Amino acid sequence: MKITPTHNILVKQNIFNNLIEYKDTRYPDSIFYHKNNKLYFELEINYDRLWCDSELVWRFFSNENTLEYSETQRVIENMAGMYTNWGSVTPEEYDLTQTICLVKGGNVYQLASMKNNKKK
């Protein structure tokens, strides 16, 4: 799949711009990224795995472009490489709404563990 310059701009504006990083001492191997009171990503540092919210991130690529799972992974990996400093990551789809995320003043409160629900 070829990503057009217009699509690149939309991805940057809608997904990667203005993400706020959050670290929680209860989950030392993860970094969470949110904006507009919504959780977009969880980066599992030790596994180089990037959990992407199903609605906010994954479907933005797969629905718009009718991509297969592995194709969506490659596109998100390439875009993350362009717009972040996360290094090489393996994107995975996950419903991050199952993570309780309440943002106030740049802080995330009531962050619930997703670890037991994920397929690894």
Protein backbone atom coordinates (compact mmCIF):
# COMPACT_ATOMS: atom_id res chain seq x y z
CA MET A 1 0.00 0.00 0.00
CA LYS A 2 1.29 3.43 -0.89
CA ILE A 3 0.77 6.17 1.67
CA THR A 4 0.10 9.51 0.01
CA PRO A 5 1.51 12.80 1.35
CA THR A 6 -2.05 13.82 2.28
CA HIS A 7 -2.53 10.61 4.24
CA ASN A 8 0.82 11.20 5.98
CA ILE A 9 -0.37 14.62 7.14
CA LEU A 10 -3.69 13.20 8.38
CA VAL A 11 -1.92 10.45 10.32
CA LYS A 12 0.46 12.89 11.94
CA GLN A 13 -2.30 15.36 12.85
CA ASN A 14 -4.92 12.84 14.00
CA ILE A 15 -2.76 10.25 15.72
CA PHE A 16 0.83 11.21 16.51
CA ASN A 17 0.65 14.97 17.16
CA ASN A 18 0.31 16.18 20.75
CA LEU A 19 0.54 12.78 22.43
CA ILE A 20 1.23 13.08 26.15
CA GLU A 21 3.55 10.48 27.65
CA TYR A 22 2.57 8.94 30.97
CA LYS A 23 4.55 6.53 33.13
CA ASP A 24 3.05 4.68 36.05
CA THR A 25 5.24 3.11 38.74
CA ARG A 26 2.82 0.18 38.91
CA TYR A 27 3.70 -0.66 35.29
CA PRO A 28 7.44 0.04 35.00
CA ASP A 29 7.76 -1.76 31.66
CA SER A 30 5.12 0.36 29.94
CA ILE A 31 4.76 3.92 28.71
CA PHE A 32 1.26 5.16 27.95
CA TYR A 33 0.39 7.84 25.38
CA HIS A 34 -2.83 9.80 25.52
CA LYS A 35 -4.49 12.99 24.31
CA ASN A 36 -7.96 14.51 24.51
CA ASN A 37 -8.83 12.22 27.45
CA LYS A 38 -8.25 9.12 25.32
CA LEU A 39 -5.55 6.49 25.49
CA TYR A 40 -3.95 5.89 22.07
CA PHE A 41 -0.95 3.66 22.79
CA GLU A 42 0.80 1.52 25.35
CA LEU A 43 4.45 0.89 24.58
CA GLU A 44 5.82 -2.23 26.30
CA ILE A 45 9.49 -1.40 26.46
CA ASN A 46 10.92 -4.85 27.23
CA TYR A 47 8.99 -6.47 24.39
CA ASP A 48 9.16 -3.65 21.81
CA ARG A 49 5.41 -4.08 21.49
CA LEU A 50 3.11 -1.16 20.73
CA TRP A 51 -0.49 -1.71 21.76
CA CYS A 52 -2.70 0.49 19.57
CA ASP A 53 -6.27 1.40 20.44
CA SER A 54 -8.69 -0.39 18.13
CA GLU A 55 -10.91 2.58 17.39
CA LEU A 56 -8.53 5.53 17.58
CA VAL A 57 -5.54 4.04 15.79
CA TRP A 58 -5.98 0.60 14.25
CA ARG A 59 -9.23 1.18 12.38
CA PHE A 60 -7.96 4.50 11.09
CA PHE A 61 -5.59 2.45 8.94
CA SER A 62 -7.42 -0.83 8.33
CA ASN A 63 -10.88 0.59 7.54
CA GLU A 64 -9.66 3.47 5.41
CA ASN A 65 -7.44 1.21 3.32
CA THR A 66 -9.00 -2.26 3.72
CA LEU A 67 -5.69 -3.63 4.94
CA GLU A 68 -5.00 -7.07 6.32
CA TYR A 69 -3.70 -7.31 9.91
CA SER A 70 -0.03 -7.72 8.89
CA GLU A 71 -0.29 -4.83 6.41
CA THR A 72 -1.78 -2.60 9.10
CA GLN A 73 1.08 -3.57 11.41
CA ARG A 74 3.66 -2.55 8.81
CA VAL A 75 1.99 0.80 8.09
CA ILE A 76 1.69 1.71 11.79
CA GLU A 77 5.29 0.58 12.41
CA ASN A 78 6.50 2.81 9.56
CA MET A 79 4.45 5.79 10.72
CA ALA A 80 5.61 5.38 14.32
CA GLY A 81 9.17 5.31 13.00
CA MET A 82 8.58 8.58 11.15
CA TYR A 83 6.87 10.50 13.94
CA THR A 84 8.25 9.10 17.21
CA ASN A 85 11.48 8.02 18.83
CA TRP A 86 10.10 4.64 19.92
CA GLY A 87 12.55 2.67 17.79
CA SER A 88 11.55 -0.62 16.22
CA VAL A 89 8.18 -1.73 17.60
CA THR A 90 5.61 -4.38 16.74
CA PRO A 91 2.13 -2.83 16.62
CA GLU A 92 -0.78 -4.90 17.94
CA GLU A 93 -4.48 -4.08 18.05
CA TYR A 94 -6.11 -3.81 21.46
CA ASP A 95 -9.23 -2.18 22.87
CA LEU A 96 -7.55 0.33 25.18
CA THR A 97 -10.96 1.53 26.36
CA GLN A 98 -10.75 -1.45 28.70
CA THR A 99 -8.04 0.51 30.43
CA ILE A 100 -9.63 3.02 32.75
CA CYS A 101 -8.09 6.31 31.75
CA LEU A 102 -9.13 9.65 33.19
CA VAL A 103 -6.97 12.62 32.26
CA LYS A 104 -6.82 15.71 34.46
CA GLY A 105 -4.19 18.39 34.13
CA GLY A 106 -1.92 16.20 32.02
CA ASN A 107 -2.03 13.29 34.47
CA VAL A 108 -3.71 9.96 33.92
CA TYR A 109 -5.70 8.67 36.88
CA GLN A 110 -7.20 5.26 37.62
CA LEU A 111 -5.02 3.48 35.10
CA ALA A 112 -6.06 -0.17 35.26
CA SER A 113 -3.83 -3.05 34.21
CA MET A 114 -4.30 -4.49 30.75
CA LYS A 115 -1.64 -7.18 31.12
CA ASN A 116 -3.97 -10.06 32.00
CA ASN A 117 -6.28 -9.37 29.07
CA LYS A 118 -3.72 -9.17 26.29
CA LYS A 119 -2.90 -11.93 23.89
CA LYS A 120 0.86 -12.37 23.76
